[in-house]
Amino acid sequence: MKTYIVTYDISDPKRLRKVFQILRGYGDHL
């Protein structure tokens, strides 16, 4: 099993919410 760390720095709340919704099902939110 491969492990990835995905980070993102998005200042626009609308875009941040969209990216969070997409990535939410792929791992743990820190």
PDB file of N, CA and C in Angstrom:
ATOM      1  N   MET A   1       0.837  -1.190   0.000  1.00  0.00           N
ATOM      2  CA  MET A   1       0.000   0.000   0.000  1.00  0.00           C
ATOM      3  C   MET A   1       0.876   1.245   0.000  1.00  0.00           C
ATOM      4  N   LYS A   2       0.624   2.131  -0.917  1.00  0.00           N
ATOM      5  CA  LYS A   2       1.385   3.380  -0.987  1.00  0.00           C
ATOM      6  C   LYS A   2       0.720   4.436  -0.122  1.00  0.00           C
ATOM      7  N   THR A   3       1.541   5.265   0.492  1.00  0.00           N
ATOM      8  CA  THR A   3       1.036   6.343   1.340  1.00  0.00           C
ATOM      9  C   THR A   3       1.397   7.675   0.720  1.00  0.00           C
ATOM     10  N   TYR A   4       0.428   8.560   0.647  1.00  0.00           N
ATOM     11  CA  TYR A   4       0.638   9.890   0.093  1.00  0.00           C
ATOM     12  C   TYR A   4       0.196  10.931   1.105  1.00  0.00           C
ATOM     13  N   ILE A   5       0.876  12.054   1.106  1.00  0.00           N
ATOM     14  CA  ILE A   5       0.447  13.211   1.879  1.00  0.00           C
ATOM     15  C   ILE A   5       0.071  14.292   0.879  1.00  0.00           C
ATOM     16  N   VAL A   6      -1.170  14.733   0.939  1.00  0.00           N
ATOM     17  CA  VAL A   6      -1.661  15.761   0.025  1.00  0.00           C
ATOM     18  C   VAL A   6      -1.916  17.021   0.834  1.00  0.00           C
ATOM     19  N   THR A   7      -1.287  18.116   0.422  1.00  0.00           N
ATOM     20  CA  THR A   7      -1.500  19.392   1.107  1.00  0.00           C
ATOM     21  C   THR A   7      -1.990  20.415   0.093  1.00  0.00           C
ATOM     22  N   TYR A   8      -2.753  21.361   0.584  1.00  0.00           N
ATOM     23  CA  TYR A   8      -3.219  22.432  -0.288  1.00  0.00           C
ATOM     24  C   TYR A   8      -3.435  23.686   0.530  1.00  0.00           C
ATOM     25  N   ASP A   9      -3.150  24.821  -0.074  1.00  0.00           N
ATOM     26  CA  ASP A   9      -3.296  26.126   0.575  1.00  0.00           C
ATOM     27  C   ASP A   9      -4.184  26.974  -0.328  1.00  0.00           C
ATOM     28  N   ILE A  10      -5.467  27.004  -0.016  1.00  0.00           N
ATOM     29  CA  ILE A  10      -6.444  27.713  -0.842  1.00  0.00           C
ATOM     30  C   ILE A  10      -7.097  28.785   0.022  1.00  0.00           C
ATOM     31  N   SER A  11      -6.979  30.032  -0.392  1.00  0.00           N
ATOM     32  CA  SER A  11      -7.519  31.129   0.416  1.00  0.00           C
ATOM     33  C   SER A  11      -8.994  31.405   0.134  1.00  0.00           C
ATOM     34  N   ASP A  12      -9.473  30.992  -1.030  1.00  0.00           N
ATOM     35  CA  ASP A  12     -10.875  31.228  -1.391  1.00  0.00           C
ATOM     36  C   ASP A  12     -11.762  30.148  -0.756  1.00  0.00           C
ATOM     37  N   PRO A  13     -12.648  30.511   0.166  1.00  0.00           N
ATOM     38  CA  PRO A  13     -13.462  29.509   0.874  1.00  0.00           C
ATOM     39  C   PRO A  13     -14.298  28.623  -0.047  1.00  0.00           C
ATOM     40  N   LYS A  14     -14.782  29.179  -1.156  1.00  0.00           N
ATOM     41  CA  LYS A  14     -15.606  28.391  -2.077  1.00  0.00           C
ATOM     42  C   LYS A  14     -14.776  27.287  -2.734  1.00  0.00           C
ATOM     43  N   ARG A  15     -13.582  27.633  -3.196  1.00  0.00           N
ATOM     44  CA  ARG A  15     -12.705  26.626  -3.813  1.00  0.00           C
ATOM     45  C   ARG A  15     -12.220  25.623  -2.780  1.00  0.00           C
ATOM     46  N   LEU A  16     -11.911  26.113  -1.567  1.00  0.00           N
ATOM     47  CA  LEU A  16     -11.449  25.227  -0.501  1.00  0.00           C
ATOM     48  C   LEU A  16     -12.504  24.168  -0.191  1.00  0.00           C
ATOM     49  N   ARG A  17     -13.761  24.581  -0.110  1.00  0.00           N
ATOM     50  CA  ARG A  17     -14.844  23.646   0.183  1.00  0.00           C
ATOM     51  C   ARG A  17     -14.964  22.596  -0.920  1.00  0.00           C
ATOM     52  N   LYS A  18     -14.813  23.026  -2.167  1.00  0.00           N
ATOM     53  CA  LYS A  18     -14.929  22.097  -3.297  1.00  0.00           C
ATOM     54  C   LYS A  18     -13.804  21.058  -3.273  1.00  0.00           C
ATOM     55  N   VAL A  19     -12.577  21.521  -3.044  1.00  0.00           N
ATOM     56  CA  VAL A  19     -11.437  20.599  -2.985  1.00  0.00           C
ATOM     57  C   VAL A  19     -11.591  19.651  -1.799  1.00  0.00           C
ATOM     58  N   PHE A  20     -12.036  20.176  -0.655  1.00  0.00           N
ATOM     59  CA  PHE A  20     -12.227  19.332   0.522  1.00  0.00           C
ATOM     60  C   PHE A  20     -13.257  18.243   0.247  1.00  0.00           C
ATOM     61  N   GLN A  21     -14.352  18.585  -0.422  1.00  0.00           N
ATOM     62  CA  GLN A  21     -15.393  17.602  -0.731  1.00  0.00           C
ATOM     63  C   GLN A  21     -14.841  16.489  -1.631  1.00  0.00           C
ATOM     64  N   ILE A  22     -13.975  16.851  -2.568  1.00  0.00           N
ATOM     65  CA  ILE A  22     -13.402  15.861  -3.487  1.00  0.00           C
ATOM     66  C   ILE A  22     -12.442  14.933  -2.751  1.00  0.00           C
ATOM     67  N   LEU A  23     -11.583  15.506  -1.909  1.00  0.00           N
ATOM     68  CA  LEU A  23     -10.540  14.716  -1.249  1.00  0.00           C
ATOM     69  C   LEU A  23     -11.017  14.018   0.018  1.00  0.00           C
ATOM     70  N   ARG A  24     -12.178  14.364   0.521  1.00  0.00           N
ATOM     71  CA  ARG A  24     -12.645  13.839   1.809  1.00  0.00           C
ATOM     72  C   ARG A  24     -12.714  12.317   1.827  1.00  0.00           C
ATOM     73  N   GLY A  25     -13.086  11.706   0.720  1.00  0.00           N
ATOM     74  CA  GLY A  25     -13.250  10.258   0.690  1.00  0.00           C
ATOM     75  C   GLY A  25     -11.962   9.479   0.490  1.00  0.00           C
ATOM     76  N   TYR A  26     -10.838  10.148   0.396  1.00  0.00           N
ATOM     77  CA  TYR A  26      -9.592   9.469   0.055  1.00  0.00           C
ATOM     78  C   TYR A  26      -8.602   9.362   1.199  1.00  0.00           C
ATOM     79  N   GLY A  27      -9.015   9.651   2.433  1.00  0.00           N
ATOM     80  CA  GLY A  27      -8.062   9.525   3.531  1.00  0.00           C
ATOM     81  C   GLY A  27      -8.527  10.273   4.761  1.00  0.00           C
ATOM     82  N   ASP A  28      -7.567  10.634   5.597  1.00  0.00           N
ATOM     83  CA  ASP A  28      -7.862  11.302   6.857  1.00  0.00           C
ATOM     84  C   ASP A  28      -7.595  12.787   6.747  1.00  0.00           C
ATOM     85  N   HIS A  29      -8.500  13.582   7.297  1.00  0.00           N
ATOM     86  CA  HIS A  29      -8.357  15.039   7.329  1.00  0.00           C
ATOM     87  C   HIS A  29      -7.617  15.415   8.600  1.00  0.00           C
ATOM     88  N   LEU A  30      -6.589  16.222   8.463  1.00  0.00           N
ATOM     89  CA  LEU A  30      -5.808  16.629   9.646  1.00  0.00           C
ATOM     90  C   LEU A  30      -6.106  18.050  10.020  1.00  0.00           C
TER      91      LEU A  30
END
